[in-house]
Amino acid sequence: MANKKPAGTRYRSKRKKKGIQYKKVGFKLTVGQKKALERYCKLNNLTPVRFMKSLVNNHVARYRDEPHPPSYVTKNQLKLFDQEK
């Protein structure tokens, strides 16, 4: 009887994580650009999609939303050097 759970309590199941949402982006390349892209990817063992994603990530990284660092200042620290007489 010691292993029974009390009546009215339930075990919560873990929530499923929200998946990453993707958006399609399309653009046109000239024949020469396409050949140069394929040649570069073949020499560097990359796929064109992976190459373009790395370029975009390198250029967009500085514009991503970053959470602000937490403030470690408390009220007591502001009155540290006040003289009380």
PDB file of N, CA and C in Angstrom:
ATOM      1  N   MET A   1       0.804  -1.189   0.000  1.00  0.00           N
ATOM      2  CA  MET A   1       0.000   0.000   0.000  1.00  0.00           C
ATOM      3  C   MET A   1       0.855   1.263   0.000  1.00  0.00           C
ATOM      4  N   ALA A   2       2.122   1.170   0.281  1.00  0.00           N
ATOM      5  CA  ALA A   2       2.981   2.344   0.328  1.00  0.00           C
ATOM      6  C   ALA A   2       3.293   2.857  -1.078  1.00  0.00           C
ATOM      7  N   ASN A   3       3.157   2.038  -2.110  1.00  0.00           N
ATOM      8  CA  ASN A   3       3.500   2.447  -3.467  1.00  0.00           C
ATOM      9  C   ASN A   3       2.343   3.073  -4.221  1.00  0.00           C
ATOM     10  N   LYS A   4       1.152   3.091  -3.633  1.00  0.00           N
ATOM     11  CA  LYS A   4       0.009   3.682  -4.320  1.00  0.00           C
ATOM     12  C   LYS A   4       0.113   5.199  -4.313  1.00  0.00           C
ATOM     13  N   LYS A   5      -0.278   5.812  -5.433  1.00  0.00           N
ATOM     14  CA  LYS A   5      -0.282   7.268  -5.477  1.00  0.00           C
ATOM     15  C   LYS A   5      -1.596   7.770  -4.885  1.00  0.00           C
ATOM     16  N   PRO A   6      -1.579   8.942  -4.260  1.00  0.00           N
ATOM     17  CA  PRO A   6      -2.804   9.479  -3.670  1.00  0.00           C
ATOM     18  C   PRO A   6      -3.849   9.754  -4.737  1.00  0.00           C
ATOM     19  N   ALA A   7      -5.098   9.662  -4.362  1.00  0.00           N
ATOM     20  CA  ALA A   7      -6.197   9.891  -5.302  1.00  0.00           C
ATOM     21  C   ALA A   7      -6.194  11.348  -5.741  1.00  0.00           C
ATOM     22  N   GLY A   8      -6.454  11.567  -7.009  1.00  0.00           N
ATOM     23  CA  GLY A   8      -6.569  12.926  -7.527  1.00  0.00           C
ATOM     24  C   GLY A   8      -5.265  13.496  -8.079  1.00  0.00           C
ATOM     25  N   THR A   9      -4.160  12.794  -8.008  1.00  0.00           N
ATOM     26  CA  THR A   9      -2.915  13.291  -8.580  1.00  0.00           C
ATOM     27  C   THR A   9      -2.650  12.589  -9.901  1.00  0.00           C
ATOM     28  N   ARG A  10      -2.107  13.349 -10.828  1.00  0.00           N
ATOM     29  CA  ARG A  10      -1.798  12.811 -12.143  1.00  0.00           C
ATOM     30  C   ARG A  10      -0.357  13.133 -12.487  1.00  0.00           C
ATOM     31  N   TYR A  11       0.241  12.260 -13.236  1.00  0.00           N
ATOM     32  CA  TYR A  11       1.575  12.520 -13.738  1.00  0.00           C
ATOM     33  C   TYR A  11       1.446  13.290 -15.038  1.00  0.00           C
ATOM     34  N   ARG A  12       2.191  14.375 -15.150  1.00  0.00           N
ATOM     35  CA  ARG A  12       2.120  15.176 -16.374  1.00  0.00           C
ATOM     36  C   ARG A  12       3.056  14.589 -17.427  1.00  0.00           C
ATOM     37  N   SER A  13       2.558  14.510 -18.616  1.00  0.00           N
ATOM     38  CA  SER A  13       3.410  14.040 -19.707  1.00  0.00           C
ATOM     39  C   SER A  13       4.215  15.226 -20.234  1.00  0.00           C
ATOM     40  N   LYS A  14       5.366  14.937 -20.807  1.00  0.00           N
ATOM     41  CA  LYS A  14       6.204  15.992 -21.346  1.00  0.00           C
ATOM     42  C   LYS A  14       5.529  16.588 -22.577  1.00  0.00           C
ATOM     43  N   ARG A  15       5.649  17.904 -22.696  1.00  0.00           N
ATOM     44  CA  ARG A  15       5.076  18.569 -23.861  1.00  0.00           C
ATOM     45  C   ARG A  15       5.982  18.381 -25.065  1.00  0.00           C
ATOM     46  N   LYS A  16       5.367  18.252 -26.207  1.00  0.00           N
ATOM     47  CA  LYS A  16       6.119  18.086 -27.440  1.00  0.00           C
ATOM     48  C   LYS A  16       6.712  19.440 -27.841  1.00  0.00           C
ATOM     49  N   LYS A  17       7.993  19.443 -28.227  1.00  0.00           N
ATOM     50  CA  LYS A  17       8.641  20.678 -28.630  1.00  0.00           C
ATOM     51  C   LYS A  17       8.057  21.164 -29.943  1.00  0.00           C
ATOM     52  N   LYS A  18       8.016  22.472 -30.068  1.00  0.00           N
ATOM     53  CA  LYS A  18       7.523  23.081 -31.290  1.00  0.00           C
ATOM     54  C   LYS A  18       8.592  22.954 -32.372  1.00  0.00           C
ATOM     55  N   GLY A  19       8.227  22.494 -33.523  1.00  0.00           N
ATOM     56  CA  GLY A  19       9.185  22.288 -34.600  1.00  0.00           C
ATOM     57  C   GLY A  19       9.636  23.597 -35.223  1.00  0.00           C
ATOM     58  N   ILE A  20      10.725  23.531 -35.954  1.00  0.00           N
ATOM     59  CA  ILE A  20      11.250  24.702 -36.649  1.00  0.00           C
ATOM     60  C   ILE A  20      10.418  24.932 -37.898  1.00  0.00           C
ATOM     61  N   GLN A  21      10.041  26.187 -38.117  1.00  0.00           N
ATOM     62  CA  GLN A  21       9.265  26.517 -39.303  1.00  0.00           C
ATOM     63  C   GLN A  21      10.207  26.979 -40.409  1.00  0.00           C
ATOM     64  N   TYR A  22       9.981  26.498 -41.603  1.00  0.00           N
ATOM     65  CA  TYR A  22      10.806  26.846 -42.742  1.00  0.00           C
ATOM     66  C   TYR A  22       9.970  27.616 -43.758  1.00  0.00           C
ATOM     67  N   LYS A  23      10.622  28.502 -44.486  1.00  0.00           N
ATOM     68  CA  LYS A  23       9.982  29.262 -45.557  1.00  0.00           C
ATOM     69  C   LYS A  23      10.775  29.048 -46.841  1.00  0.00           C
ATOM     70  N   LYS A  24      10.073  29.005 -47.954  1.00  0.00           N
ATOM     71  CA  LYS A  24      10.730  28.826 -49.246  1.00  0.00           C
ATOM     72  C   LYS A  24      11.181  30.174 -49.785  1.00  0.00           C
ATOM     73  N   VAL A  25      12.382  30.174 -50.384  1.00  0.00           N
ATOM     74  CA  VAL A  25      12.924  31.356 -51.036  1.00  0.00           C
ATOM     75  C   VAL A  25      13.451  30.899 -52.384  1.00  0.00           C
ATOM     76  N   GLY A  26      13.118  31.628 -53.426  1.00  0.00           N
ATOM     77  CA  GLY A  26      13.583  31.254 -54.758  1.00  0.00           C
ATOM     78  C   GLY A  26      14.198  32.446 -55.476  1.00  0.00           C
ATOM     79  N   PHE A  27      15.182  32.183 -56.315  1.00  0.00           N
ATOM     80  CA  PHE A  27      15.789  33.222 -57.130  1.00  0.00           C
ATOM     81  C   PHE A  27      16.390  32.585 -58.370  1.00  0.00           C
ATOM     82  N   LYS A  28      16.691  33.412 -59.345  1.00  0.00           N
ATOM     83  CA  LYS A  28      17.204  32.919 -60.618  1.00  0.00           C
ATOM     84  C   LYS A  28      18.702  33.171 -60.727  1.00  0.00           C
ATOM     85  N   LEU A  29      19.398  32.232 -61.382  1.00  0.00           N
ATOM     86  CA  LEU A  29      20.815  32.373 -61.683  1.00  0.00           C
ATOM     87  C   LEU A  29      21.008  32.300 -63.189  1.00  0.00           C
ATOM     88  N   THR A  30      22.016  32.987 -63.666  1.00  0.00           N
ATOM     89  CA  THR A  30      22.332  32.860 -65.087  1.00  0.00           C
ATOM     90  C   THR A  30      23.026  31.516 -65.295  1.00  0.00           C
ATOM     91  N   VAL A  31      23.194  31.127 -66.549  1.00  0.00           N
ATOM     92  CA  VAL A  31      23.838  29.861 -66.869  1.00  0.00           C
ATOM     93  C   VAL A  31      25.280  29.866 -66.359  1.00  0.00           C
ATOM     94  N   GLY A  32      25.967  30.978 -66.522  1.00  0.00           N
ATOM     95  CA  GLY A  32      27.354  31.068 -66.056  1.00  0.00           C
ATOM     96  C   GLY A  32      27.452  30.986 -64.534  1.00  0.00           C
ATOM     97  N   GLN A  33      26.519  31.634 -63.836  1.00  0.00           N
ATOM     98  CA  GLN A  33      26.512  31.567 -62.369  1.00  0.00           C
ATOM     99  C   GLN A  33      26.241  30.152 -61.890  1.00  0.00           C
ATOM    100  N   LYS A  34      25.326  29.474 -62.570  1.00  0.00           N
ATOM    101  CA  LYS A  34      24.996  28.100 -62.186  1.00  0.00           C
ATOM    102  C   LYS A  34      26.197  27.174 -62.387  1.00  0.00           C
ATOM    103  N   LYS A  35      26.892  27.339 -63.506  1.00  0.00           N
ATOM    104  CA  LYS A  35      28.074  26.507 -63.759  1.00  0.00           C
ATOM    105  C   LYS A  35      29.170  26.789 -62.739  1.00  0.00           C
ATOM    106  N   ALA A  36      29.374  28.069 -62.418  1.00  0.00           N
ATOM    107  CA  ALA A  36      30.399  28.425 -61.435  1.00  0.00           C
ATOM    108  C   ALA A  36      30.037  27.872 -60.061  1.00  0.00           C
ATOM    109  N   LEU A  37      28.764  27.928 -59.715  1.00  0.00           N
ATOM    110  CA  LEU A  37      28.309  27.398 -58.431  1.00  0.00           C
ATOM    111  C   LEU A  37      28.528  25.895 -58.369  1.00  0.00           C
ATOM    112  N   GLU A  38      28.177  25.191 -59.418  1.00  0.00           N
ATOM    113  CA  GLU A  38      28.370  23.739 -59.453  1.00  0.00           C
ATOM    114  C   GLU A  38      29.854  23.376 -59.396  1.00  0.00           C
ATOM    115  N   ARG A  39      30.695  24.129 -60.104  1.00  0.00           N
ATOM    116  CA  ARG A  39      32.127  23.868 -60.100  1.00  0.00           C
ATOM    117  C   ARG A  39      32.719  24.090 -58.703  1.00  0.00           C
ATOM    118  N   TYR A  40      32.319  25.187 -58.054  1.00  0.00           N
ATOM    119  CA  TYR A  40      32.805  25.471 -56.709  1.00  0.00           C
ATOM    120  C   TYR A  40      32.371  24.380 -55.723  1.00  0.00           C
ATOM    121  N   CYS A  41      31.118  23.977 -55.799  1.00  0.00           N
ATOM    122  CA  CYS A  41      30.604  22.961 -54.886  1.00  0.00           C
ATOM    123  C   CYS A  41      31.289  21.614 -55.099  1.00  0.00           C
ATOM    124  N   LYS A  42      31.577  21.288 -56.341  1.00  0.00           N
ATOM    125  CA  LYS A  42      32.242  20.021 -56.617  1.00  0.00           C
ATOM    126  C   LYS A  42      33.662  20.016 -56.063  1.00  0.00           C
ATOM    127  N   LEU A  43      34.376  21.139 -56.185  1.00  0.00           N
ATOM    128  CA  LEU A  43      35.740  21.228 -55.682  1.00  0.00           C
ATOM    129  C   LEU A  43      35.801  21.189 -54.151  1.00  0.00           C
ATOM    130  N   ASN A  44      34.773  21.715 -53.497  1.00  0.00           N
ATOM    131  CA  ASN A  44      34.770  21.807 -52.035  1.00  0.00           C
ATOM    132  C   ASN A  44      33.863  20.781 -51.363  1.00  0.00           C
ATOM    133  N   ASN A  45      33.397  19.805 -52.124  1.00  0.00           N
ATOM    134  CA  ASN A  45      32.527  18.741 -51.599  1.00  0.00           C
ATOM    135  C   ASN A  45      31.316  19.300 -50.846  1.00  0.00           C
ATOM    136  N   LEU A  46      30.614  20.225 -51.474  1.00  0.00           N
ATOM    137  CA  LEU A  46      29.406  20.826 -50.914  1.00  0.00           C
ATOM    138  C   LEU A  46      28.244  20.608 -51.862  1.00  0.00           C
ATOM    139  N   THR A  47      27.053  20.748 -51.335  1.00  0.00           N
ATOM    140  CA  THR A  47      25.878  20.820 -52.196  1.00  0.00           C
ATOM    141  C   THR A  47      25.559  22.295 -52.384  1.00  0.00           C
ATOM    142  N   PRO A  48      24.937  22.666 -53.497  1.00  0.00           N
ATOM    143  CA  PRO A  48      24.595  24.075 -53.704  1.00  0.00           C
ATOM    144  C   PRO A  48      23.697  24.644 -52.601  1.00  0.00           C
ATOM    145  N   VAL A  49      22.784  23.839 -52.107  1.00  0.00           N
ATOM    146  CA  VAL A  49      21.887  24.318 -51.048  1.00  0.00           C
ATOM    147  C   VAL A  49      22.671  24.593 -49.770  1.00  0.00           C
ATOM    148  N   ARG A  50      23.553  23.679 -49.395  1.00  0.00           N
ATOM    149  CA  ARG A  50      24.358  23.857 -48.179  1.00  0.00           C
ATOM    150  C   ARG A  50      25.260  25.077 -48.306  1.00  0.00           C
ATOM    151  N   PHE A  51      25.826  25.289 -49.494  1.00  0.00           N
ATOM    152  CA  PHE A  51      26.692  26.439 -49.735  1.00  0.00           C
ATOM    153  C   PHE A  51      25.912  27.741 -49.578  1.00  0.00           C
ATOM    154  N   MET A  52      24.721  27.809 -50.174  1.00  0.00           N
ATOM    155  CA  MET A  52      23.911  29.031 -50.093  1.00  0.00           C
ATOM    156  C   MET A  52      23.410  29.282 -48.672  1.00  0.00           C
ATOM    157  N   LYS A  53      23.061  28.212 -47.946  1.00  0.00           N
ATOM    158  CA  LYS A  53      22.628  28.387 -46.558  1.00  0.00           C
ATOM    159  C   LYS A  53      23.757  28.933 -45.698  1.00  0.00           C
ATOM    160  N   SER A  54      24.991  28.458 -45.930  1.00  0.00           N
ATOM    161  CA  SER A  54      26.123  28.963 -45.144  1.00  0.00           C
ATOM    162  C   SER A  54      26.379  30.432 -45.451  1.00  0.00           C
ATOM    163  N   LEU A  55      26.236  30.830 -46.715  1.00  0.00           N
ATOM    164  CA  LEU A  55      26.404  32.240 -47.068  1.00  0.00           C
ATOM    165  C   LEU A  55      25.358  33.112 -46.375  1.00  0.00           C
ATOM    166  N   VAL A  56      24.115  32.656 -46.423  1.00  0.00           N
ATOM    167  CA  VAL A  56      23.037  33.432 -45.797  1.00  0.00           C
ATOM    168  C   VAL A  56      23.257  33.516 -44.286  1.00  0.00           C
ATOM    169  N   ASN A  57      23.603  32.402 -43.652  1.00  0.00           N
ATOM    170  CA  ASN A  57      23.818  32.419 -42.201  1.00  0.00           C
ATOM    171  C   ASN A  57      24.959  33.352 -41.805  1.00  0.00           C
ATOM    172  N   ASN A  58      26.028  33.385 -42.587  1.00  0.00           N
ATOM    173  CA  ASN A  58      27.152  34.270 -42.270  1.00  0.00           C
ATOM    174  C   ASN A  58      26.752  35.743 -42.349  1.00  0.00           C
ATOM    175  N   HIS A  59      25.924  36.099 -43.304  1.00  0.00           N
ATOM    176  CA  HIS A  59      25.545  37.495 -43.484  1.00  0.00           C
ATOM    177  C   HIS A  59      24.410  37.935 -42.559  1.00  0.00           C
ATOM    178  N   VAL A  60      23.570  37.014 -42.138  1.00  0.00           N
ATOM    179  CA  VAL A  60      22.391  37.375 -41.354  1.00  0.00           C
ATOM    180  C   VAL A  60      22.634  37.230 -39.847  1.00  0.00           C
ATOM    181  N   ALA A  61      23.720  36.604 -39.453  1.00  0.00           N
ATOM    182  CA  ALA A  61      23.964  36.299 -38.037  1.00  0.00           C
ATOM    183  C   ALA A  61      23.944  37.542 -37.160  1.00  0.00           C
ATOM    184  N   ARG A  62      24.461  38.657 -37.644  1.00  0.00           N
ATOM    185  CA  ARG A  62      24.522  39.854 -36.788  1.00  0.00           C
ATOM    186  C   ARG A  62      23.172  40.547 -36.637  1.00  0.00           C
ATOM    187  N   TYR A  63      22.170  40.172 -37.395  1.00  0.00           N
ATOM    188  CA  TYR A  63      20.853  40.807 -37.323  1.00  0.00           C
ATOM    189  C   TYR A  63      19.828  39.967 -36.579  1.00  0.00           C
ATOM    190  N   ARG A  64      20.245  38.832 -36.025  1.00  0.00           N
ATOM    191  CA  ARG A  64      19.312  37.984 -35.286  1.00  0.00           C
ATOM    192  C   ARG A  64      18.957  38.621 -33.957  1.00  0.00           C
ATOM    193  N   ASP A  65      17.760  38.313 -33.459  1.00  0.00           N
ATOM    194  CA  ASP A  65      17.328  38.806 -32.160  1.00  0.00           C
ATOM    195  C   ASP A  65      18.090  38.077 -31.073  1.00  0.00           C
ATOM    196  N   GLU A  66      18.792  38.835 -30.247  1.00  0.00           N
ATOM    197  CA  GLU A  66      19.528  38.274 -29.124  1.00  0.00           C
ATOM    198  C   GLU A  66      18.843  38.725 -27.840  1.00  0.00           C
ATOM    199  N   PRO A  67      18.641  37.839 -26.888  1.00  0.00           N
ATOM    200  CA  PRO A  67      18.070  38.283 -25.615  1.00  0.00           C
ATOM    201  C   PRO A  67      19.066  39.192 -24.891  1.00  0.00           C
ATOM    202  N   HIS A  68      18.528  40.209 -24.213  1.00  0.00           N
ATOM    203  CA  HIS A  68      19.383  41.134 -23.482  1.00  0.00           C
ATOM    204  C   HIS A  68      19.995  40.421 -22.280  1.00  0.00           C
ATOM    205  N   PRO A  69      21.245  40.713 -21.942  1.00  0.00           N
ATOM    206  CA  PRO A  69      21.852  40.061 -20.775  1.00  0.00           C
ATOM    207  C   PRO A  69      21.157  40.526 -19.499  1.00  0.00           C
ATOM    208  N   PRO A  70      21.053  39.651 -18.515  1.00  0.00           N
ATOM    209  CA  PRO A  70      20.363  40.032 -17.282  1.00  0.00           C
ATOM    210  C   PRO A  70      21.143  41.098 -16.519  1.00  0.00           C
ATOM    211  N   SER A  71      20.424  41.970 -15.837  1.00  0.00           N
ATOM    212  CA  SER A  71      21.041  43.018 -15.040  1.00  0.00           C
ATOM    213  C   SER A  71      21.308  42.474 -13.643  1.00  0.00           C
ATOM    214  N   TYR A  72      22.536  42.623 -13.184  1.00  0.00           N
ATOM    215  CA  TYR A  72      22.907  42.098 -11.882  1.00  0.00           C
ATOM    216  C   TYR A  72      22.896  43.178 -10.795  1.00  0.00           C
ATOM    217  N   VAL A  73      22.434  44.373 -11.115  1.00  0.00           N
ATOM    218  CA  VAL A  73      22.401  45.459 -10.145  1.00  0.00           C
ATOM    219  C   VAL A  73      21.130  45.331  -9.310  1.00  0.00           C
ATOM    220  N   THR A  74      21.288  45.378  -7.986  1.00  0.00           N
ATOM    221  CA  THR A  74      20.132  45.328  -7.096  1.00  0.00           C
ATOM    222  C   THR A  74      19.996  46.663  -6.374  1.00  0.00           C
ATOM    223  N   LYS A  75      18.917  46.851  -5.672  1.00  0.00           N
ATOM    224  CA  LYS A  75      18.669  48.104  -4.969  1.00  0.00           C
ATOM    225  C   LYS A  75      19.748  48.370  -3.929  1.00  0.00           C
ATOM    226  N   ASN A  76      20.202  47.353  -3.226  1.00  0.00           N
ATOM    227  CA  ASN A  76      21.199  47.535  -2.185  1.00  0.00           C
ATOM    228  C   ASN A  76      22.529  48.007  -2.756  1.00  0.00           C
ATOM    229  N   GLN A  77      22.867  47.608  -3.941  1.00  0.00           N
ATOM    230  CA  GLN A  77      24.136  48.015  -4.528  1.00  0.00           C
ATOM    231  C   GLN A  77      24.145  49.498  -4.878  1.00  0.00           C
ATOM    232  N   LEU A  78      22.979  50.076  -5.142  1.00  0.00           N
ATOM    233  CA  LEU A  78      22.924  51.481  -5.508  1.00  0.00           C
ATOM    234  C   LEU A  78      23.207  52.382  -4.311  1.00  0.00           C
ATOM    235  N   LYS A  79      22.948  51.946  -3.105  1.00  0.00           N
ATOM    236  CA  LYS A  79      23.156  52.742  -1.903  1.00  0.00           C
ATOM    237  C   LYS A  79      24.399  52.279  -1.134  1.00  0.00           C
ATOM    238  N   LEU A  80      25.345  51.727  -1.809  1.00  0.00           N
ATOM    239  CA  LEU A  80      26.503  51.146  -1.168  1.00  0.00           C
ATOM    240  C   LEU A  80      27.373  52.184  -0.468  1.00  0.00           C
ATOM    241  N   PHE A  81      27.549  53.357  -1.079  1.00  0.00           N
ATOM    242  CA  PHE A  81      28.456  54.347  -0.528  1.00  0.00           C
ATOM    243  C   PHE A  81      27.733  55.502   0.168  1.00  0.00           C
ATOM    244  N   ASP A  82      26.441  55.405   0.404  1.00  0.00           N
ATOM    245  CA  ASP A  82      25.727  56.436   1.152  1.00  0.00           C
ATOM    246  C   ASP A  82      26.174  56.404   2.612  1.00  0.00           C
ATOM    247  N   GLN A  83      26.421  57.595   3.165  1.00  0.00           N
ATOM    248  CA  GLN A  83      26.832  57.666   4.565  1.00  0.00           C
ATOM    249  C   GLN A  83      25.610  57.959   5.432  1.00  0.00           C
ATOM    250  N   GLU A  84      25.445  57.141   6.411  1.00  0.00           N
ATOM    251  CA  GLU A  84      24.330  57.324   7.334  1.00  0.00           C
ATOM    252  C   GLU A  84      24.890  57.750   8.683  1.00  0.00           C
ATOM    253  N   LYS A  85      24.360  58.853   9.238  1.00  0.00           N
ATOM    254  CA  LYS A  85      24.806  59.347  10.547  1.00  0.00           C
ATOM    255  C   LYS A  85      23.657  59.550  11.476  1.00  0.00           C
TER     256      LYS A  85
END
